[in-house]
Amino acid sequence: MVGEVLRLDGVGVRRDGATLLRNVHWTVNENERWVIMGPNGAGKTTLLQVAATMLHPSEGAVEVLDERLGQTDVFDLRPRIGFASAAVAEKVPASEKVIDLVLTGSYAILGRWKEEYDSSDVTRAVELLDALGCAHLIRRRFSTLSEGERKRVQIARALMPDPELLLLDEPAAGLDLGGREDLVARLGRLADDPGAPTMILVTHHPEEVPEGFTHAMLLRRGSVIATGKVDEVFTEEHLSKSFGLPLTIDRQDGRWYARASRA
């Protein structure tokens, strides 16, 4: 029997008088690969922060890995969740070396301090960096890396604790074409790995959805437009409603492509 990894029941988020999410009902099961998509301000990052236990909802109930927010110690829960986002990258100490940044993912903390790591931890960190094409960066400071290198190092860090849930917030944002295609291919291989965790990826663009992703959610202004299997969600009707203009959608060789409809 496939178990639930994440469940949101009637979740709403309000901050400073603004409604960021409203009445979200969502269930994510083991081994599913989800993409959350929508325009700027749709609530994508807010939703991912709720799933990462970084943000508590204003209303509704959230269960992550069989633990209910508000009734569990999130500091015990967070090492079971891999989370890569620009918000995390901004908090990395300027002098932090890549190998130390990945190692501290074991404890879901930022900044190497007095924690103890054994040789198996270091080996795992190097193997993860190697799988993402950046083992040669282990002694570099994170602050000196290119945007593409930073994205891949963050994903290695998110995978370090062998999480049950992996959350990726716009992992391809800011990358050039080559960097994007390299990262999407690597994420596609990860999605196809039966030993990989349940995955949720946020993006603005269908072109950034790797092969192997099974489900999708479209948001607009904090509300769910469509949710379900990716083939059923990525339709011209749903995408046009989410982004607020007529769109056409195509799929070639397992990848999705969208563009504005011609008048």
C-alpha atoms as a PDB file:
ATOM      1  CA  MET A   1       0.000   0.000   0.000  1.00  0.00           C
ATOM      2  CA  VAL A   2       1.332   3.430  -0.972  1.00  0.00           C
ATOM      3  CA  GLY A   3       1.471   5.798   1.977  1.00  0.00           C
ATOM      4  CA  GLU A   4       0.792   9.501   2.159  1.00  0.00           C
ATOM      5  CA  VAL A   5       3.819  11.768   2.393  1.00  0.00           C
ATOM      6  CA  LEU A   6       2.013  15.113   2.500  1.00  0.00           C
ATOM      7  CA  ARG A   7      -1.600  16.162   3.082  1.00  0.00           C
ATOM      8  CA  LEU A   8      -3.084  19.662   3.145  1.00  0.00           C
ATOM      9  CA  ASP A   9      -6.717  20.092   4.134  1.00  0.00           C
ATOM     10  CA  GLY A  10      -8.280  23.519   3.588  1.00  0.00           C
ATOM     11  CA  VAL A  11      -4.954  25.328   3.965  1.00  0.00           C
ATOM     12  CA  GLY A  12      -4.887  29.099   3.767  1.00  0.00           C
ATOM     13  CA  VAL A  13      -2.028  31.523   4.349  1.00  0.00           C
ATOM     14  CA  ARG A  14      -2.480  35.226   5.063  1.00  0.00           C
ATOM     15  CA  ARG A  15       0.302  37.707   5.721  1.00  0.00           C
ATOM     16  CA  ASP A  16       0.005  41.469   6.302  1.00  0.00           C
ATOM     17  CA  GLY A  17      -3.567  41.504   5.056  1.00  0.00           C
ATOM     18  CA  ALA A  18      -2.773  39.630   1.837  1.00  0.00           C
ATOM     19  CA  THR A  19      -4.089  36.153   1.048  1.00  0.00           C
ATOM     20  CA  LEU A  20      -1.203  34.060  -0.307  1.00  0.00           C
ATOM     21  CA  LEU A  21      -3.014  30.708  -0.363  1.00  0.00           C
ATOM     22  CA  ARG A  22      -6.701  29.898  -0.034  1.00  0.00           C
ATOM     23  CA  ASN A  23      -8.469  26.605   0.674  1.00  0.00           C
ATOM     24  CA  VAL A  24      -5.778  24.275  -0.678  1.00  0.00           C
ATOM     25  CA  HIS A  25      -6.571  20.555  -0.560  1.00  0.00           C
ATOM     26  CA  TRP A  26      -3.649  18.406  -1.702  1.00  0.00           C
ATOM     27  CA  THR A  27      -2.357  14.889  -1.122  1.00  0.00           C
ATOM     28  CA  VAL A  28       1.074  13.637  -2.193  1.00  0.00           C
ATOM     29  CA  ASN A  29       1.839   9.916  -2.024  1.00  0.00           C
ATOM     30  CA  GLU A  30       5.076   7.968  -1.873  1.00  0.00           C
ATOM     31  CA  ASN A  31       7.139   7.815  -5.062  1.00  0.00           C
ATOM     32  CA  GLU A  32       5.156  10.545  -6.819  1.00  0.00           C
ATOM     33  CA  ARG A  33       6.980  13.350  -8.607  1.00  0.00           C
ATOM     34  CA  TRP A  34       5.040  16.626  -8.544  1.00  0.00           C
ATOM     35  CA  VAL A  35       5.505  19.921 -10.336  1.00  0.00           C
ATOM     36  CA  ILE A  36       3.819  23.095  -9.065  1.00  0.00           C
ATOM     37  CA  MET A  37       3.447  25.786 -11.685  1.00  0.00           C
ATOM     38  CA  GLY A  38       1.861  29.195 -12.072  1.00  0.00           C
ATOM     39  CA  PRO A  39       2.716  32.862 -12.667  1.00  0.00           C
ATOM     40  CA  ASN A  40       4.534  35.164 -10.258  1.00  0.00           C
ATOM     41  CA  GLY A  41       2.477  35.714  -7.133  1.00  0.00           C
ATOM     42  CA  ALA A  42       0.489  32.503  -7.575  1.00  0.00           C
ATOM     43  CA  GLY A  43       1.571  31.107  -4.191  1.00  0.00           C
ATOM     44  CA  LYS A  44       4.005  28.431  -5.367  1.00  0.00           C
ATOM     45  CA  THR A  45       6.877  29.252  -3.026  1.00  0.00           C
ATOM     46  CA  THR A  46       4.483  29.815  -0.128  1.00  0.00           C
ATOM     47  CA  LEU A  47       3.018  26.359  -0.683  1.00  0.00           C
ATOM     48  CA  LEU A  48       6.479  24.789  -0.770  1.00  0.00           C
ATOM     49  CA  GLN A  49       7.463  26.573   2.445  1.00  0.00           C
ATOM     50  CA  VAL A  50       4.388  25.091   4.131  1.00  0.00           C
ATOM     51  CA  ALA A  51       5.412  21.627   2.914  1.00  0.00           C
ATOM     52  CA  ALA A  52       8.955  22.260   4.190  1.00  0.00           C
ATOM     53  CA  THR A  53       7.558  23.166   7.664  1.00  0.00           C
ATOM     54  CA  MET A  54       9.134  26.606   7.310  1.00  0.00           C
ATOM     55  CA  LEU A  55       5.746  28.337   7.303  1.00  0.00           C
ATOM     56  CA  HIS A  56       2.648  27.507   9.330  1.00  0.00           C
ATOM     57  CA  PRO A  57      -0.734  28.075   7.689  1.00  0.00           C
ATOM     58  CA  SER A  58      -3.241  30.614   8.921  1.00  0.00           C
ATOM     59  CA  GLU A  59      -5.987  28.013   8.610  1.00  0.00           C
ATOM     60  CA  GLY A  60      -6.392  24.372   7.724  1.00  0.00           C
ATOM     61  CA  ALA A  61      -4.382  21.273   8.637  1.00  0.00           C
ATOM     62  CA  VAL A  62      -1.012  20.053   7.357  1.00  0.00           C
ATOM     63  CA  GLU A  63       0.472  16.583   7.784  1.00  0.00           C
ATOM     64  CA  VAL A  64       4.037  15.944   6.653  1.00  0.00           C
ATOM     65  CA  LEU A  65       5.486  12.434   6.917  1.00  0.00           C
ATOM     66  CA  ASP A  66       2.678  11.430   9.297  1.00  0.00           C
ATOM     67  CA  GLU A  67       3.390  14.374  11.594  1.00  0.00           C
ATOM     68  CA  ARG A  68       0.869  17.183  12.037  1.00  0.00           C
ATOM     69  CA  LEU A  69       2.163  20.742  12.056  1.00  0.00           C
ATOM     70  CA  GLY A  70       1.440  22.393  15.369  1.00  0.00           C
ATOM     71  CA  GLN A  71       1.630  19.060  17.188  1.00  0.00           C
ATOM     72  CA  THR A  72       5.196  18.013  16.428  1.00  0.00           C
ATOM     73  CA  ASP A  73       8.737  19.351  16.833  1.00  0.00           C
ATOM     74  CA  VAL A  74       9.606  20.653  13.373  1.00  0.00           C
ATOM     75  CA  PHE A  75      13.321  20.574  14.199  1.00  0.00           C
ATOM     76  CA  ASP A  76      13.085  16.779  14.451  1.00  0.00           C
ATOM     77  CA  LEU A  77      11.030  16.630  11.266  1.00  0.00           C
ATOM     78  CA  ARG A  78      13.108  18.864   8.996  1.00  0.00           C
ATOM     79  CA  PRO A  79      16.088  16.480   8.556  1.00  0.00           C
ATOM     80  CA  ARG A  80      13.606  14.086   6.903  1.00  0.00           C
ATOM     81  CA  ILE A  81      12.853  16.762   4.286  1.00  0.00           C
ATOM     82  CA  GLY A  82      15.333  17.911   1.647  1.00  0.00           C
ATOM     83  CA  PHE A  83      14.764  21.553   0.733  1.00  0.00           C
ATOM     84  CA  ALA A  84      16.606  23.615  -1.890  1.00  0.00           C
ATOM     85  CA  SER A  85      15.603  27.207  -2.549  1.00  0.00           C
ATOM     86  CA  ALA A  86      16.984  30.689  -3.055  1.00  0.00           C
ATOM     87  CA  ALA A  87      15.813  31.522   0.475  1.00  0.00           C
ATOM     88  CA  VAL A  88      18.141  28.835   1.842  1.00  0.00           C
ATOM     89  CA  ALA A  89      21.051  29.917  -0.372  1.00  0.00           C
ATOM     90  CA  GLU A  90      20.793  33.507   0.880  1.00  0.00           C
ATOM     91  CA  LYS A  91      21.464  32.316   4.448  1.00  0.00           C
ATOM     92  CA  VAL A  92      24.657  30.395   3.675  1.00  0.00           C
ATOM     93  CA  PRO A  93      27.661  31.963   5.476  1.00  0.00           C
ATOM     94  CA  ALA A  94      29.954  33.702   2.988  1.00  0.00           C
ATOM     95  CA  SER A  95      32.978  31.603   3.987  1.00  0.00           C
ATOM     96  CA  GLU A  96      31.189  28.230   3.923  1.00  0.00           C
ATOM     97  CA  LYS A  97      32.954  25.626   1.794  1.00  0.00           C
ATOM     98  CA  VAL A  98      30.904  23.414  -0.512  1.00  0.00           C
ATOM     99  CA  ILE A  99      31.761  20.180   1.308  1.00  0.00           C
ATOM    100  CA  ASP A 100      30.706  21.677   4.654  1.00  0.00           C
ATOM    101  CA  LEU A 101      27.493  23.079   3.199  1.00  0.00           C
ATOM    102  CA  VAL A 102      26.500  19.633   1.948  1.00  0.00           C
ATOM    103  CA  LEU A 103      27.489  17.932   5.209  1.00  0.00           C
ATOM    104  CA  THR A 104      25.363  20.283   7.334  1.00  0.00           C
ATOM    105  CA  GLY A 105      22.344  19.163   5.318  1.00  0.00           C
ATOM    106  CA  SER A 106      22.408  16.058   7.536  1.00  0.00           C
ATOM    107  CA  TYR A 107      21.115  18.198  10.394  1.00  0.00           C
ATOM    108  CA  ALA A 108      19.066  20.654   8.298  1.00  0.00           C
ATOM    109  CA  ILE A 109      21.261  23.501   9.561  1.00  0.00           C
ATOM    110  CA  LEU A 110      23.385  26.155   7.862  1.00  0.00           C
ATOM    111  CA  GLY A 111      26.933  26.880   8.964  1.00  0.00           C
ATOM    112  CA  ARG A 112      29.436  24.257  10.100  1.00  0.00           C
ATOM    113  CA  TRP A 113      29.906  24.411  13.871  1.00  0.00           C
ATOM    114  CA  LYS A 114      30.697  21.610  16.345  1.00  0.00           C
ATOM    115  CA  GLU A 115      28.774  18.748  14.755  1.00  0.00           C
ATOM    116  CA  GLU A 116      30.668  15.520  14.218  1.00  0.00           C
ATOM    117  CA  TYR A 117      30.816  13.790  10.828  1.00  0.00           C
ATOM    118  CA  ASP A 118      32.499  10.475  10.106  1.00  0.00           C
ATOM    119  CA  SER A 119      34.175   9.267   6.939  1.00  0.00           C
ATOM    120  CA  SER A 120      30.947   7.735   5.615  1.00  0.00           C
ATOM    121  CA  ASP A 121      29.273  11.164   5.803  1.00  0.00           C
ATOM    122  CA  VAL A 122      32.097  12.745   3.820  1.00  0.00           C
ATOM    123  CA  THR A 123      31.980   9.919   1.273  1.00  0.00           C
ATOM    124  CA  ARG A 124      28.250  10.367   0.795  1.00  0.00           C
ATOM    125  CA  ALA A 125      28.622  14.134   0.364  1.00  0.00           C
ATOM    126  CA  VAL A 126      31.304  13.676  -2.290  1.00  0.00           C
ATOM    127  CA  GLU A 127      29.247  11.015  -4.102  1.00  0.00           C
ATOM    128  CA  LEU A 128      26.215  13.296  -4.200  1.00  0.00           C
ATOM    129  CA  LEU A 129      28.284  16.177  -5.509  1.00  0.00           C
ATOM    130  CA  ASP A 130      29.802  13.873  -8.116  1.00  0.00           C
ATOM    131  CA  ALA A 131      26.354  12.670  -9.252  1.00  0.00           C
ATOM    132  CA  LEU A 132      25.416  16.306  -9.813  1.00  0.00           C
ATOM    133  CA  GLY A 133      28.613  17.099 -11.696  1.00  0.00           C
ATOM    134  CA  CYS A 134      30.302  19.253  -9.078  1.00  0.00           C
ATOM    135  CA  ALA A 135      32.640  17.053  -7.033  1.00  0.00           C
ATOM    136  CA  HIS A 136      35.523  19.272  -8.189  1.00  0.00           C
ATOM    137  CA  LEU A 137      34.004  22.134  -6.199  1.00  0.00           C
ATOM    138  CA  ILE A 138      34.257  20.557  -2.737  1.00  0.00           C
ATOM    139  CA  ARG A 139      36.923  22.986  -1.438  1.00  0.00           C
ATOM    140  CA  ARG A 140      35.468  26.083  -3.066  1.00  0.00           C
ATOM    141  CA  ARG A 141      33.526  28.656  -1.082  1.00  0.00           C
ATOM    142  CA  PHE A 142      29.830  28.616  -1.927  1.00  0.00           C
ATOM    143  CA  SER A 143      29.887  32.393  -2.440  1.00  0.00           C
ATOM    144  CA  THR A 144      32.354  32.026  -5.352  1.00  0.00           C
ATOM    145  CA  LEU A 145      30.220  29.591  -7.387  1.00  0.00           C
ATOM    146  CA  SER A 146      28.267  30.354 -10.524  1.00  0.00           C
ATOM    147  CA  GLU A 147      24.477  30.237 -10.367  1.00  0.00           C
ATOM    148  CA  GLY A 148      24.389  26.833 -12.038  1.00  0.00           C
ATOM    149  CA  GLU A 149      26.978  25.434  -9.641  1.00  0.00           C
ATOM    150  CA  ARG A 150      25.051  26.808  -6.675  1.00  0.00           C
ATOM    151  CA  LYS A 151      21.842  25.140  -7.828  1.00  0.00           C
ATOM    152  CA  ARG A 152      23.493  21.740  -8.139  1.00  0.00           C
ATOM    153  CA  VAL A 153      25.307  22.032  -4.791  1.00  0.00           C
ATOM    154  CA  GLN A 154      22.037  22.936  -3.094  1.00  0.00           C
ATOM    155  CA  ILE A 155      20.380  19.817  -4.487  1.00  0.00           C
ATOM    156  CA  ALA A 156      23.280  17.682  -3.215  1.00  0.00           C
ATOM    157  CA  ARG A 157      22.809  19.264   0.202  1.00  0.00           C
ATOM    158  CA  ALA A 158      19.065  18.585   0.107  1.00  0.00           C
ATOM    159  CA  LEU A 159      19.762  14.907  -0.649  1.00  0.00           C
ATOM    160  CA  MET A 160      22.426  14.539   2.058  1.00  0.00           C
ATOM    161  CA  PRO A 161      20.127  13.316   4.890  1.00  0.00           C
ATOM    162  CA  ASP A 162      18.553  10.703   2.559  1.00  0.00           C
ATOM    163  CA  PRO A 163      15.218  12.524   2.857  1.00  0.00           C
ATOM    164  CA  GLU A 164      11.793  11.016   2.439  1.00  0.00           C
ATOM    165  CA  LEU A 165      10.576  14.187   0.729  1.00  0.00           C
ATOM    166  CA  LEU A 166      12.606  16.404  -1.621  1.00  0.00           C
ATOM    167  CA  LEU A 167      11.425  19.977  -2.299  1.00  0.00           C
ATOM    168  CA  LEU A 168      13.030  22.030  -5.085  1.00  0.00           C
ATOM    169  CA  ASP A 169      12.035  25.673  -5.447  1.00  0.00           C
ATOM    170  CA  GLU A 170      12.757  26.885  -8.997  1.00  0.00           C
ATOM    171  CA  PRO A 171      15.996  24.893  -9.362  1.00  0.00           C
ATOM    172  CA  ALA A 172      16.531  26.075 -12.956  1.00  0.00           C
ATOM    173  CA  ALA A 173      15.847  29.783 -12.338  1.00  0.00           C
ATOM    174  CA  GLY A 174      18.624  32.036 -13.583  1.00  0.00           C
ATOM    175  CA  LEU A 175      20.425  29.331 -15.552  1.00  0.00           C
ATOM    176  CA  ASP A 176      21.508  29.691 -19.152  1.00  0.00           C
ATOM    177  CA  LEU A 177      20.257  27.199 -21.736  1.00  0.00           C
ATOM    178  CA  GLY A 178      23.121  24.759 -21.263  1.00  0.00           C
ATOM    179  CA  GLY A 179      22.910  24.909 -17.490  1.00  0.00           C
ATOM    180  CA  ARG A 180      19.165  24.419 -17.546  1.00  0.00           C
ATOM    181  CA  GLU A 181      19.295  21.431 -19.866  1.00  0.00           C
ATOM    182  CA  ASP A 182      22.070  19.802 -17.837  1.00  0.00           C
ATOM    183  CA  LEU A 183      20.138  20.234 -14.594  1.00  0.00           C
ATOM    184  CA  VAL A 184      16.812  19.080 -16.060  1.00  0.00           C
ATOM    185  CA  ALA A 185      18.505  15.930 -17.396  1.00  0.00           C
ATOM    186  CA  ARG A 186      20.046  15.186 -13.992  1.00  0.00           C
ATOM    187  CA  LEU A 187      16.699  15.710 -12.252  1.00  0.00           C
ATOM    188  CA  GLY A 188      15.065  13.437 -14.814  1.00  0.00           C
ATOM    189  CA  ARG A 189      17.503  10.650 -13.935  1.00  0.00           C
ATOM    190  CA  LEU A 190      16.805  11.235 -10.254  1.00  0.00           C
ATOM    191  CA  ALA A 191      13.054  11.096 -10.877  1.00  0.00           C
ATOM    192  CA  ASP A 192      13.479   7.729 -12.616  1.00  0.00           C
ATOM    193  CA  ASP A 193      15.440   6.273  -9.684  1.00  0.00           C
ATOM    194  CA  PRO A 194      13.068   4.054  -7.641  1.00  0.00           C
ATOM    195  CA  GLY A 195      15.188   4.732  -4.581  1.00  0.00           C
ATOM    196  CA  ALA A 196      14.785   8.504  -4.842  1.00  0.00           C
ATOM    197  CA  PRO A 197      12.501  10.339  -2.416  1.00  0.00           C
ATOM    198  CA  THR A 198       9.096  11.715  -3.265  1.00  0.00           C
ATOM    199  CA  MET A 199       9.779  14.922  -5.184  1.00  0.00           C
ATOM    200  CA  ILE A 200       8.022  18.290  -5.504  1.00  0.00           C
ATOM    201  CA  LEU A 201       9.413  20.906  -7.891  1.00  0.00           C
ATOM    202  CA  VAL A 202       8.294  24.508  -8.341  1.00  0.00           C
ATOM    203  CA  THR A 203       8.752  26.252 -11.684  1.00  0.00           C
ATOM    204  CA  HIS A 204       7.279  28.943 -13.930  1.00  0.00           C
ATOM    205  CA  HIS A 205       8.000  27.079 -17.155  1.00  0.00           C
ATOM    206  CA  PRO A 206       6.837  23.726 -18.597  1.00  0.00           C
ATOM    207  CA  GLU A 207      10.216  23.480 -20.352  1.00  0.00           C
ATOM    208  CA  GLU A 208      11.858  23.043 -16.942  1.00  0.00           C
ATOM    209  CA  VAL A 209       9.793  19.971 -16.007  1.00  0.00           C
ATOM    210  CA  PRO A 210      12.049  16.889 -16.175  1.00  0.00           C
ATOM    211  CA  GLU A 211      10.951  13.613 -17.663  1.00  0.00           C
ATOM    212  CA  GLY A 212       9.511  11.204 -15.113  1.00  0.00           C
ATOM    213  CA  PHE A 213       7.359  13.709 -13.250  1.00  0.00           C
ATOM    214  CA  THR A 214       3.967  12.150 -12.667  1.00  0.00           C
ATOM    215  CA  HIS A 215       1.668  14.822 -11.209  1.00  0.00           C
ATOM    216  CA  ALA A 216       1.116  18.557 -11.453  1.00  0.00           C
ATOM    217  CA  MET A 217      -0.656  21.430  -9.745  1.00  0.00           C
ATOM    218  CA  LEU A 218      -1.474  24.793 -11.322  1.00  0.00           C
ATOM    219  CA  LEU A 219      -2.008  27.854  -9.140  1.00  0.00           C
ATOM    220  CA  ARG A 220      -3.292  31.357  -9.729  1.00  0.00           C
ATOM    221  CA  ARG A 221      -3.572  34.072  -7.070  1.00  0.00           C
ATOM    222  CA  GLY A 222      -3.314  31.560  -4.251  1.00  0.00           C
ATOM    223  CA  SER A 223      -5.989  29.198  -5.552  1.00  0.00           C
ATOM    224  CA  VAL A 224      -5.659  25.780  -7.162  1.00  0.00           C
ATOM    225  CA  ILE A 225      -6.650  25.800 -10.839  1.00  0.00           C
ATOM    226  CA  ALA A 226      -6.030  22.104 -11.494  1.00  0.00           C
ATOM    227  CA  THR A 227      -4.333  19.161  -9.800  1.00  0.00           C
ATOM    228  CA  GLY A 228      -3.751  15.550 -10.741  1.00  0.00           C
ATOM    229  CA  LYS A 229      -1.759  13.515 -13.244  1.00  0.00           C
ATOM    230  CA  VAL A 230       0.474  15.719 -15.343  1.00  0.00           C
ATOM    231  CA  ASP A 231      -1.134  14.694 -18.660  1.00  0.00           C
ATOM    232  CA  GLU A 232      -4.531  15.766 -17.326  1.00  0.00           C
ATOM    233  CA  VAL A 233      -3.324  19.036 -15.799  1.00  0.00           C
ATOM    234  CA  PHE A 234      -1.072  20.321 -18.597  1.00  0.00           C
ATOM    235  CA  THR A 235      -3.868  21.241 -21.002  1.00  0.00           C
ATOM    236  CA  GLU A 236      -4.319  24.443 -22.970  1.00  0.00           C
ATOM    237  CA  GLU A 237      -7.453  25.263 -20.975  1.00  0.00           C
ATOM    238  CA  HIS A 238      -5.813  24.849 -17.581  1.00  0.00           C
ATOM    239  CA  LEU A 239      -2.543  26.580 -18.479  1.00  0.00           C
ATOM    240  CA  SER A 240      -4.329  29.496 -20.127  1.00  0.00           C
ATOM    241  CA  LYS A 241      -6.475  29.972 -17.022  1.00  0.00           C
ATOM    242  CA  SER A 242      -3.464  29.776 -14.710  1.00  0.00           C
ATOM    243  CA  PHE A 243      -1.292  32.260 -16.632  1.00  0.00           C
ATOM    244  CA  GLY A 244      -4.087  34.556 -17.783  1.00  0.00           C
ATOM    245  CA  LEU A 245      -3.512  34.407 -21.541  1.00  0.00           C
ATOM    246  CA  PRO A 246      -4.217  31.914 -24.353  1.00  0.00           C
ATOM    247  CA  LEU A 247      -1.491  29.266 -24.489  1.00  0.00           C
ATOM    248  CA  THR A 248      -0.749  26.212 -26.562  1.00  0.00           C
ATOM    249  CA  ILE A 249       1.071  23.223 -25.041  1.00  0.00           C
ATOM    250  CA  ASP A 250       3.073  20.507 -26.783  1.00  0.00           C
ATOM    251  CA  ARG A 251       4.996  17.476 -25.628  1.00  0.00           C
ATOM    252  CA  GLN A 252       8.016  16.076 -27.448  1.00  0.00           C
ATOM    253  CA  ASP A 253      10.330  13.291 -26.295  1.00  0.00           C
ATOM    254  CA  GLY A 254       8.889  13.437 -22.794  1.00  0.00           C
ATOM    255  CA  ARG A 255       9.367  17.214 -22.391  1.00  0.00           C
ATOM    256  CA  TRP A 256       6.702  19.937 -22.335  1.00  0.00           C
ATOM    257  CA  TYR A 257       6.724  23.212 -24.284  1.00  0.00           C
ATOM    258  CA  ALA A 258       4.274  26.133 -24.050  1.00  0.00           C
ATOM    259  CA  ARG A 259       3.842  29.346 -26.021  1.00  0.00           C
ATOM    260  CA  ALA A 260       1.271  32.052 -26.523  1.00  0.00           C
ATOM    261  CA  SER A 261      -1.440  31.195 -29.030  1.00  0.00           C
ATOM    262  CA  ARG A 262      -1.303  33.046 -32.316  1.00  0.00           C
ATOM    263  CA  ALA A 263      -4.132  35.501 -32.896  1.00  0.00           C
END
